[in-house]
Amino acid sequence: MFGNKKEKQPPRFKKIYSDPTGENEIWVDTQTGVNYLWHAVGYTGSITPLLGSDGKPVITPVE
């Protein structure tokens, strides 16, 4: 148990945008490149894939 040290993994999601109100944020999945929109209202919020004008998910190239 004490000999097992897990390697620290980079975070799965990275915030790339936040509007001035803090109600809307865009997060990117660092493994797939899929962009997600987070919308907060009061004490709750929701997340959904960010879709382009063609109806397909917006994908950021993965480094």
PDB file of N, CA and C in Angstrom:
ATOM      1  N   MET A   1       0.814  -1.184   0.000  1.00  0.00           N
ATOM      2  CA  MET A   1       0.000   0.000   0.000  1.00  0.00           C
ATOM      3  C   MET A   1       0.862   1.253   0.000  1.00  0.00           C
ATOM      4  N   PHE A   2       1.899   1.298   0.842  1.00  0.00           N
ATOM      5  CA  PHE A   2       2.711   2.497   0.914  1.00  0.00           C
ATOM      6  C   PHE A   2       3.702   2.586  -0.247  1.00  0.00           C
ATOM      7  N   GLY A   3       3.982   1.461  -0.878  1.00  0.00           N
ATOM      8  CA  GLY A   3       4.930   1.452  -1.979  1.00  0.00           C
ATOM      9  C   GLY A   3       4.307   1.853  -3.304  1.00  0.00           C
ATOM     10  N   ASN A   4       2.993   1.824  -3.395  1.00  0.00           N
ATOM     11  CA  ASN A   4       2.312   2.187  -4.638  1.00  0.00           C
ATOM     12  C   ASN A   4       2.097   3.689  -4.700  1.00  0.00           C
ATOM     13  N   LYS A   5       2.848   4.351  -5.552  1.00  0.00           N
ATOM     14  CA  LYS A   5       2.646   5.784  -5.761  1.00  0.00           C
ATOM     15  C   LYS A   5       2.066   5.962  -7.155  1.00  0.00           C
ATOM     16  N   LYS A   6       0.897   6.570  -7.204  1.00  0.00           N
ATOM     17  CA  LYS A   6       0.270   6.821  -8.500  1.00  0.00           C
ATOM     18  C   LYS A   6       0.898   8.050  -9.133  1.00  0.00           C
ATOM     19  N   GLU A   7       1.103   7.966 -10.442  1.00  0.00           N
ATOM     20  CA  GLU A   7       1.584   9.138 -11.159  1.00  0.00           C
ATOM     21  C   GLU A   7       0.450  10.141 -11.243  1.00  0.00           C
ATOM     22  N   LYS A   8       0.802  11.395 -11.044  1.00  0.00           N
ATOM     23  CA  LYS A   8      -0.214  12.430 -11.119  1.00  0.00           C
ATOM     24  C   LYS A   8      -0.618  12.634 -12.579  1.00  0.00           C
ATOM     25  N   GLN A   9      -1.909  12.503 -12.826  1.00  0.00           N
ATOM     26  CA  GLN A   9      -2.448  12.660 -14.174  1.00  0.00           C
ATOM     27  C   GLN A   9      -2.836  14.120 -14.404  1.00  0.00           C
ATOM     28  N   PRO A  10      -2.661  14.624 -15.627  1.00  0.00           N
ATOM     29  CA  PRO A  10      -3.131  15.985 -15.909  1.00  0.00           C
ATOM     30  C   PRO A  10      -4.659  16.022 -15.828  1.00  0.00           C
ATOM     31  N   PRO A  11      -5.235  17.175 -15.557  1.00  0.00           N
ATOM     32  CA  PRO A  11      -6.691  17.255 -15.455  1.00  0.00           C
ATOM     33  C   PRO A  11      -7.364  16.866 -16.763  1.00  0.00           C
ATOM     34  N   ARG A  12      -8.504  16.189 -16.658  1.00  0.00           N
ATOM     35  CA  ARG A  12      -9.224  15.728 -17.839  1.00  0.00           C
ATOM     36  C   ARG A  12      -9.862  16.890 -18.588  1.00  0.00           C
ATOM     37  N   PHE A  13     -10.363  17.889 -17.858  1.00  0.00           N
ATOM     38  CA  PHE A  13     -11.043  19.015 -18.475  1.00  0.00           C
ATOM     39  C   PHE A  13     -10.296  20.308 -18.196  1.00  0.00           C
ATOM     40  N   LYS A  14     -10.324  21.211 -19.198  1.00  0.00           N
ATOM     41  CA  LYS A  14      -9.637  22.488 -19.072  1.00  0.00           C
ATOM     42  C   LYS A  14     -10.619  23.603 -19.458  1.00  0.00           C
ATOM     43  N   LYS A  15     -10.756  24.603 -18.578  1.00  0.00           N
ATOM     44  CA  LYS A  15     -11.643  25.734 -18.880  1.00  0.00           C
ATOM     45  C   LYS A  15     -10.921  26.664 -19.837  1.00  0.00           C
ATOM     46  N   ILE A  16     -11.574  26.976 -20.984  1.00  0.00           N
ATOM     47  CA  ILE A  16     -10.941  27.847 -21.969  1.00  0.00           C
ATOM     48  C   ILE A  16     -11.663  29.179 -22.118  1.00  0.00           C
ATOM     49  N   TYR A  17     -12.869  29.311 -21.527  1.00  0.00           N
ATOM     50  CA  TYR A  17     -13.604  30.568 -21.628  1.00  0.00           C
ATOM     51  C   TYR A  17     -14.559  30.702 -20.459  1.00  0.00           C
ATOM     52  N   SER A  18     -14.692  31.928 -19.961  1.00  0.00           N
ATOM     53  CA  SER A  18     -15.676  32.256 -18.941  1.00  0.00           C
ATOM     54  C   SER A  18     -16.169  33.661 -19.235  1.00  0.00           C
ATOM     55  N   ASP A  19     -17.495  33.849 -19.334  1.00  0.00           N
ATOM     56  CA  ASP A  19     -17.997  35.191 -19.598  1.00  0.00           C
ATOM     57  C   ASP A  19     -17.886  36.048 -18.337  1.00  0.00           C
ATOM     58  N   PRO A  20     -18.005  37.385 -18.460  1.00  0.00           N
ATOM     59  CA  PRO A  20     -17.832  38.271 -17.300  1.00  0.00           C
ATOM     60  C   PRO A  20     -18.784  37.978 -16.139  1.00  0.00           C
ATOM     61  N   THR A  21     -19.963  37.445 -16.409  1.00  0.00           N
ATOM     62  CA  THR A  21     -20.925  37.147 -15.339  1.00  0.00           C
ATOM     63  C   THR A  21     -20.584  35.841 -14.634  1.00  0.00           C
ATOM     64  N   GLY A  22     -19.786  34.999 -15.261  1.00  0.00           N
ATOM     65  CA  GLY A  22     -19.449  33.700 -14.691  1.00  0.00           C
ATOM     66  C   GLY A  22     -20.545  32.663 -14.873  1.00  0.00           C
ATOM     67  N   GLU A  23     -21.594  33.018 -15.608  1.00  0.00           N
ATOM     68  CA  GLU A  23     -22.704  32.084 -15.812  1.00  0.00           C
ATOM     69  C   GLU A  23     -22.424  31.076 -16.915  1.00  0.00           C
ATOM     70  N   ASN A  24     -21.592  31.438 -17.867  1.00  0.00           N
ATOM     71  CA  ASN A  24     -21.303  30.561 -18.999  1.00  0.00           C
ATOM     72  C   ASN A  24     -19.808  30.301 -19.082  1.00  0.00           C
ATOM     73  N   GLU A  25     -19.458  29.032 -19.247  1.00  0.00           N
ATOM     74  CA  GLU A  25     -18.064  28.646 -19.399  1.00  0.00           C
ATOM     75  C   GLU A  25     -17.964  27.597 -20.501  1.00  0.00           C
ATOM     76  N   ILE A  26     -16.829  27.584 -21.166  1.00  0.00           N
ATOM     77  CA  ILE A  26     -16.557  26.532 -22.147  1.00  0.00           C
ATOM     78  C   ILE A  26     -15.392  25.718 -21.618  1.00  0.00           C
ATOM     79  N   TRP A  27     -15.588  24.399 -21.566  1.00  0.00           N
ATOM     80  CA  TRP A  27     -14.595  23.448 -21.088  1.00  0.00           C
ATOM     81  C   TRP A  27     -14.233  22.501 -22.218  1.00  0.00           C
ATOM     82  N   VAL A  28     -12.980  22.094 -22.302  1.00  0.00           N
ATOM     83  CA  VAL A  28     -12.511  21.149 -23.319  1.00  0.00           C
ATOM     84  C   VAL A  28     -12.048  19.868 -22.636  1.00  0.00           C
ATOM     85  N   ASP A  29     -12.494  18.745 -23.168  1.00  0.00           N
ATOM     86  CA  ASP A  29     -12.016  17.436 -22.724  1.00  0.00           C
ATOM     87  C   ASP A  29     -10.630  17.259 -23.337  1.00  0.00           C
ATOM     88  N   THR A  30      -9.610  17.184 -22.505  1.00  0.00           N
ATOM     89  CA  THR A  30      -8.231  17.135 -23.009  1.00  0.00           C
ATOM     90  C   THR A  30      -7.882  15.816 -23.689  1.00  0.00           C
ATOM     91  N   GLN A  31      -8.727  14.801 -23.543  1.00  0.00           N
ATOM     92  CA  GLN A  31      -8.455  13.522 -24.204  1.00  0.00           C
ATOM     93  C   GLN A  31      -9.150  13.409 -25.553  1.00  0.00           C
ATOM     94  N   THR A  32     -10.358  13.980 -25.674  1.00  0.00           N
ATOM     95  CA  THR A  32     -11.113  13.846 -26.919  1.00  0.00           C
ATOM     96  C   THR A  32     -11.177  15.143 -27.720  1.00  0.00           C
ATOM     97  N   GLY A  33     -10.954  16.281 -27.072  1.00  0.00           N
ATOM     98  CA  GLY A  33     -11.043  17.575 -27.739  1.00  0.00           C
ATOM     99  C   GLY A  33     -12.458  18.134 -27.819  1.00  0.00           C
ATOM    100  N   VAL A  34     -13.455  17.390 -27.334  1.00  0.00           N
ATOM    101  CA  VAL A  34     -14.841  17.853 -27.388  1.00  0.00           C
ATOM    102  C   VAL A  34     -15.019  19.041 -26.445  1.00  0.00           C
ATOM    103  N   ASN A  35     -15.704  20.086 -26.944  1.00  0.00           N
ATOM    104  CA  ASN A  35     -15.985  21.285 -26.161  1.00  0.00           C
ATOM    105  C   ASN A  35     -17.352  21.155 -25.511  1.00  0.00           C
ATOM    106  N   TYR A  36     -17.455  21.637 -24.269  1.00  0.00           N
ATOM    107  CA  TYR A  36     -18.718  21.592 -23.527  1.00  0.00           C
ATOM    108  C   TYR A  36     -19.077  22.989 -23.034  1.00  0.00           C
ATOM    109  N   LEU A  37     -20.364  23.302 -23.038  1.00  0.00           N
ATOM    110  CA  LEU A  37     -20.869  24.554 -22.503  1.00  0.00           C
ATOM    111  C   LEU A  37     -21.455  24.293 -21.132  1.00  0.00           C
ATOM    112  N   TRP A  38     -20.972  25.011 -20.122  1.00  0.00           N
ATOM    113  CA  TRP A  38     -21.500  24.947 -18.756  1.00  0.00           C
ATOM    114  C   TRP A  38     -22.265  26.243 -18.523  1.00  0.00           C
ATOM    115  N   HIS A  39     -23.520  26.138 -18.086  1.00  0.00           N
ATOM    116  CA  HIS A  39     -24.336  27.310 -17.780  1.00  0.00           C
ATOM    117  C   HIS A  39     -24.825  27.183 -16.346  1.00  0.00           C
ATOM    118  N   ALA A  40     -24.508  28.182 -15.530  1.00  0.00           N
ATOM    119  CA  ALA A  40     -24.891  28.171 -14.118  1.00  0.00           C
ATOM    120  C   ALA A  40     -25.979  29.199 -13.865  1.00  0.00           C
ATOM    121  N   VAL A  41     -26.950  28.800 -13.043  1.00  0.00           N
ATOM    122  CA  VAL A  41     -28.018  29.700 -12.625  1.00  0.00           C
ATOM    123  C   VAL A  41     -28.232  29.488 -11.134  1.00  0.00           C
ATOM    124  N   GLY A  42     -27.931  30.506 -10.346  1.00  0.00           N
ATOM    125  CA  GLY A  42     -28.096  30.373  -8.901  1.00  0.00           C
ATOM    126  C   GLY A  42     -27.219  29.268  -8.356  1.00  0.00           C
ATOM    127  N   TYR A  43     -27.855  28.292  -7.694  1.00  0.00           N
ATOM    128  CA  TYR A  43     -27.112  27.183  -7.077  1.00  0.00           C
ATOM    129  C   TYR A  43     -27.092  25.928  -7.947  1.00  0.00           C
ATOM    130  N   THR A  44     -27.479  26.046  -9.183  1.00  0.00           N
ATOM    131  CA  THR A  44     -27.509  24.875 -10.062  1.00  0.00           C
ATOM    132  C   THR A  44     -26.904  25.227 -11.414  1.00  0.00           C
ATOM    133  N   GLY A  45     -26.744  24.239 -12.249  1.00  0.00           N
ATOM    134  CA  GLY A  45     -26.195  24.465 -13.573  1.00  0.00           C
ATOM    135  C   GLY A  45     -26.381  23.243 -14.443  1.00  0.00           C
ATOM    136  N   SER A  46     -25.975  23.371 -15.684  1.00  0.00           N
ATOM    137  CA  SER A  46     -26.070  22.239 -16.602  1.00  0.00           C
ATOM    138  C   SER A  46     -24.896  22.294 -17.572  1.00  0.00           C
ATOM    139  N   ILE A  47     -24.601  21.137 -18.150  1.00  0.00           N
ATOM    140  CA  ILE A  47     -23.503  21.036 -19.103  1.00  0.00           C
ATOM    141  C   ILE A  47     -24.002  20.272 -20.323  1.00  0.00           C
ATOM    142  N   THR A  48     -23.550  20.689 -21.493  1.00  0.00           N
ATOM    143  CA  THR A  48     -23.951  20.054 -22.741  1.00  0.00           C
ATOM    144  C   THR A  48     -22.817  20.200 -23.748  1.00  0.00           C
ATOM    145  N   PRO A  49     -22.694  19.266 -24.684  1.00  0.00           N
ATOM    146  CA  PRO A  49     -21.683  19.450 -25.724  1.00  0.00           C
ATOM    147  C   PRO A  49     -21.967  20.737 -26.505  1.00  0.00           C
ATOM    148  N   LEU A  50     -20.939  21.457 -26.848  1.00  0.00           N
ATOM    149  CA  LEU A  50     -21.072  22.674 -27.638  1.00  0.00           C
ATOM    150  C   LEU A  50     -21.174  22.262 -29.103  1.00  0.00           C
ATOM    151  N   LEU A  51     -22.248  22.686 -29.765  1.00  0.00           N
ATOM    152  CA  LEU A  51     -22.490  22.284 -31.148  1.00  0.00           C
ATOM    153  C   LEU A  51     -22.206  23.423 -32.108  1.00  0.00           C
ATOM    154  N   GLY A  52     -21.664  23.075 -33.259  1.00  0.00           N
ATOM    155  CA  GLY A  52     -21.417  24.048 -34.303  1.00  0.00           C
ATOM    156  C   GLY A  52     -22.665  24.269 -35.141  1.00  0.00           C
ATOM    157  N   SER A  53     -22.564  25.118 -36.142  1.00  0.00           N
ATOM    158  CA  SER A  53     -23.719  25.429 -36.993  1.00  0.00           C
ATOM    159  C   SER A  53     -24.202  24.214 -37.783  1.00  0.00           C
ATOM    160  N   ASP A  54     -23.330  23.202 -37.949  1.00  0.00           N
ATOM    161  CA  ASP A  54     -23.712  21.982 -38.662  1.00  0.00           C
ATOM    162  C   ASP A  54     -24.363  20.948 -37.735  1.00  0.00           C
ATOM    163  N   GLY A  55     -24.480  21.290 -36.435  1.00  0.00           N
ATOM    164  CA  GLY A  55     -25.108  20.378 -35.475  1.00  0.00           C
ATOM    165  C   GLY A  55     -24.161  19.344 -34.895  1.00  0.00           C
ATOM    166  N   LYS A  56     -22.894  19.393 -35.289  1.00  0.00           N
ATOM    167  CA  LYS A  56     -21.897  18.447 -34.772  1.00  0.00           C
ATOM    168  C   LYS A  56     -21.125  19.088 -33.623  1.00  0.00           C
ATOM    169  N   PRO A  57     -20.593  18.281 -32.695  1.00  0.00           N
ATOM    170  CA  PRO A  57     -19.819  18.842 -31.581  1.00  0.00           C
ATOM    171  C   PRO A  57     -18.587  19.612 -32.065  1.00  0.00           C
ATOM    172  N   VAL A  58     -18.303  20.719 -31.380  1.00  0.00           N
ATOM    173  CA  VAL A  58     -17.091  21.473 -31.660  1.00  0.00           C
ATOM    174  C   VAL A  58     -15.922  20.715 -31.029  1.00  0.00           C
ATOM    175  N   ILE A  59     -14.890  20.474 -31.822  1.00  0.00           N
ATOM    176  CA  ILE A  59     -13.739  19.711 -31.352  1.00  0.00           C
ATOM    177  C   ILE A  59     -12.469  20.535 -31.524  1.00  0.00           C
ATOM    178  N   THR A  60     -11.739  20.675 -30.432  1.00  0.00           N
ATOM    179  CA  THR A  60     -10.456  21.363 -30.432  1.00  0.00           C
ATOM    180  C   THR A  60      -9.368  20.315 -30.636  1.00  0.00           C
ATOM    181  N   PRO A  61      -8.406  20.571 -31.528  1.00  0.00           N
ATOM    182  CA  PRO A  61      -7.325  19.580 -31.702  1.00  0.00           C
ATOM    183  C   PRO A  61      -6.623  19.283 -30.376  1.00  0.00           C
ATOM    184  N   VAL A  62      -6.385  18.009 -30.113  1.00  0.00           N
ATOM    185  CA  VAL A  62      -5.723  17.565 -28.888  1.00  0.00           C
ATOM    186  C   VAL A  62      -4.231  17.623 -29.088  1.00  0.00           C
ATOM    187  N   GLU A  63      -3.530  18.176 -28.091  1.00  0.00           N
ATOM    188  CA  GLU A  63      -2.057  18.297 -28.191  1.00  0.00           C
ATOM    189  C   GLU A  63      -1.391  16.989 -27.840  1.00  0.00           C
TER     190      GLU A  63
END
